[in-house]
Amino acid sequence: MKVEELRDLTNEEISQQLHDSQEELFNLRFQKSMNRLENAGKLKDIKKDIARMKTIIRERELRG
């Protein structure tokens, strides 16, 4: 997900997406440990999305 798309969302929507992405990351890590992961690049993408979401949430906290 792009930063511009995330900035258009509300804090609640970002928090929900963050939660969903963290669950997906957990599932992907589990698949990786069981040697069933087909697309290893997906892990990298999910981690970056999580970092983007956390950054936007933190920026909004600092702005007030």
Protein backbone atom coordinates (compact mmCIF):
# COMPACT_ATOMS: atom_id res chain seq x y z
CA MET A 1 0.00 0.00 0.00
CA LYS A 2 1.31 3.43 -0.90
CA VAL A 3 1.89 6.22 1.59
CA GLU A 4 -0.60 8.51 -0.14
CA GLU A 5 -3.32 5.89 0.24
CA LEU A 6 -2.51 5.46 3.93
CA ARG A 7 -2.54 9.19 4.61
CA ASP A 8 -6.12 9.38 3.30
CA LEU A 9 -7.32 6.84 5.90
CA THR A 10 -8.42 7.63 9.44
CA ASN A 11 -6.45 6.48 12.47
CA GLU A 12 -8.97 3.72 13.14
CA GLU A 13 -8.72 2.40 9.59
CA ILE A 14 -4.92 2.44 9.73
CA SER A 15 -4.98 0.64 13.07
CA GLN A 16 -7.27 -2.03 11.63
CA GLN A 17 -5.05 -2.47 8.59
CA LEU A 18 -2.00 -2.62 10.86
CA HIS A 19 -3.60 -5.38 12.89
CA ASP A 20 -4.52 -7.32 9.74
CA SER A 21 -1.00 -6.93 8.34
CA GLN A 22 0.56 -8.15 11.57
CA GLU A 23 -1.65 -11.23 11.48
CA GLU A 24 -0.68 -11.84 7.87
CA LEU A 25 3.01 -11.46 8.76
CA PHE A 26 2.58 -14.02 11.54
CA ASN A 27 0.94 -16.46 9.12
CA LEU A 28 3.68 -15.94 6.52
CA ARG A 29 6.39 -16.54 9.10
CA PHE A 30 4.61 -19.70 10.15
CA GLN A 31 4.44 -20.88 6.54
CA LYS A 32 8.14 -20.09 6.13
CA SER A 33 9.03 -22.21 9.15
CA MET A 34 7.04 -25.09 7.69
CA ASN A 35 8.74 -24.64 4.29
CA ARG A 36 5.42 -23.88 2.58
CA LEU A 37 6.03 -20.25 1.70
CA GLU A 38 5.76 -19.73 -2.05
CA ASN A 39 6.58 -16.02 -2.31
CA ALA A 40 9.36 -14.96 0.04
CA GLY A 41 9.17 -11.37 -1.23
CA LYS A 42 5.75 -11.03 0.37
CA LEU A 43 7.40 -11.02 3.82
CA LYS A 44 9.48 -8.00 2.86
CA ASP A 45 6.45 -6.16 1.46
CA ILE A 46 4.34 -6.77 4.57
CA LYS A 47 7.15 -5.58 6.86
CA LYS A 48 7.49 -2.37 4.85
CA ASP A 49 3.73 -1.78 4.95
CA ILE A 50 3.70 -2.24 8.72
CA ALA A 51 6.56 0.24 9.09
CA ARG A 52 4.73 2.78 6.91
CA MET A 53 1.56 2.46 8.98
CA LYS A 54 3.43 2.84 12.25
CA THR A 55 5.27 5.88 10.89
CA ILE A 56 2.05 7.62 9.86
CA ILE A 57 0.43 6.87 13.22
CA ARG A 58 3.47 8.30 15.02
CA GLU A 59 3.52 11.42 12.81
CA ARG A 60 -0.11 12.08 13.66
CA GLU A 61 0.58 11.61 17.38
CA LEU A 62 3.38 14.17 17.26
CA ARG A 63 1.24 16.71 15.38
CA GLY A 64 -1.50 16.41 17.95
